[in-house]
Amino acid sequence: MGIQINGQNDNISATDGGLTISDLEINQSGISTFNAGVGIGDSIFHLGDDDTQIRFPAADTVSIETAGSERLHIDSNGDLG
């Protein structure tokens, strides 16, 4: 494993087997386990198919999109749309 710190840009890069960390991006091959939680800004999408997503478009709301269109929507009241 190697770690490089670039003092000019304060970038940290590390590579070890299937894990790569570079700038603000983490790439992991294989299964990842998170024991506490994962914060998501807006969406989870499949690489190579970014018009199919699980989204969090508003507070207490979740939606699922396929082919770029919303197919399932659950709002803060638990209503399906």
Protein backbone atom coordinates (compact mmCIF):
# COMPACT_ATOMS: atom_id res chain seq x y z
CA MET A 1 0.00 0.00 0.00
CA GLY A 2 1.28 3.45 -0.80
CA ILE A 3 0.20 6.85 0.52
CA GLN A 4 1.21 10.07 -1.17
CA ILE A 5 0.59 13.52 0.26
CA ASN A 6 0.93 16.43 -2.14
CA GLY A 7 1.64 19.54 -0.04
CA GLN A 8 0.75 21.91 -2.85
CA ASN A 9 -2.85 20.69 -3.21
CA ASP A 10 -3.29 18.79 0.09
CA ASN A 11 -4.39 15.71 -1.88
CA ILE A 12 -4.08 12.26 -0.36
CA SER A 13 -3.87 9.21 -2.62
CA ALA A 14 -3.80 5.59 -1.40
CA THR A 15 -4.10 2.31 -3.26
CA ASP A 16 -4.34 -1.19 -1.78
CA GLY A 17 -5.74 -4.12 -3.77
CA GLY A 18 -9.35 -3.28 -4.68
CA LEU A 19 -9.46 0.04 -2.79
CA THR A 20 -8.42 3.35 -4.34
CA ILE A 21 -8.71 6.72 -2.61
CA SER A 22 -7.78 9.76 -4.67
CA ASP A 23 -8.69 13.39 -4.05
CA LEU A 24 -12.34 13.22 -2.91
CA GLU A 25 -13.23 9.94 -4.65
CA ILE A 26 -13.18 6.44 -3.17
CA ASN A 27 -13.32 3.42 -5.50
CA GLN A 28 -13.88 -0.02 -3.98
CA SER A 29 -14.24 -3.31 -5.81
CA GLY A 30 -16.04 -6.05 -3.92
CA ILE A 31 -18.47 -5.79 -1.01
CA SER A 32 -18.32 -2.82 1.36
CA THR A 33 -19.71 -2.93 4.89
CA PHE A 34 -20.65 0.20 6.84
CA ASN A 35 -21.35 -0.37 10.52
CA ALA A 36 -22.96 2.96 11.36
CA GLY A 37 -24.52 4.70 8.34
CA VAL A 38 -23.89 6.25 4.96
CA GLY A 39 -24.88 9.80 4.07
CA ILE A 40 -26.26 10.25 0.55
CA GLY A 41 -26.74 13.70 -0.97
CA ASP A 42 -29.52 12.89 -3.45
CA SER A 43 -29.25 9.54 -5.22
CA ILE A 44 -27.84 6.06 -5.52
CA PHE A 45 -27.26 4.93 -9.09
CA HIS A 46 -25.70 2.04 -10.96
CA LEU A 47 -22.44 2.84 -12.75
CA GLY A 48 -23.06 2.84 -16.47
CA ASP A 49 -26.83 3.30 -16.01
CA ASP A 50 -27.20 6.67 -14.31
CA ASP A 51 -30.83 7.19 -15.39
CA THR A 52 -31.93 4.40 -12.99
CA GLN A 53 -31.75 5.67 -9.41
CA ILE A 54 -32.96 5.46 -5.85
CA ARG A 55 -33.45 9.11 -4.90
CA PHE A 56 -34.10 11.22 -1.84
CA PRO A 57 -35.70 14.27 -3.53
CA ALA A 58 -37.06 15.96 -0.36
CA ALA A 59 -37.16 15.53 3.40
CA ASP A 60 -38.81 12.25 4.44
CA THR A 61 -39.32 11.27 0.79
CA VAL A 62 -37.85 8.47 -1.32
CA SER A 63 -38.34 7.69 -5.01
CA ILE A 64 -37.22 5.10 -7.53
CA GLU A 65 -36.53 6.05 -11.14
CA THR A 66 -35.99 3.88 -14.20
CA ALA A 67 -35.15 5.14 -17.70
CA GLY A 68 -35.01 8.68 -16.24
CA SER A 69 -38.65 8.68 -15.04
CA GLU A 70 -39.97 8.39 -11.51
CA ARG A 71 -41.75 5.03 -11.10
CA LEU A 72 -42.31 4.90 -7.33
CA HIS A 73 -42.65 7.75 -4.84
CA ILE A 74 -43.18 7.49 -1.08
CA ASP A 75 -43.81 10.81 0.66
CA SER A 76 -43.55 11.86 4.31
CA ASN A 77 -47.12 10.65 5.00
CA GLY A 78 -46.26 7.18 3.71
CA ASP A 79 -48.40 7.71 0.62
CA LEU A 80 -47.35 5.85 -2.54
CA GLY A 81 -47.37 7.74 -5.78
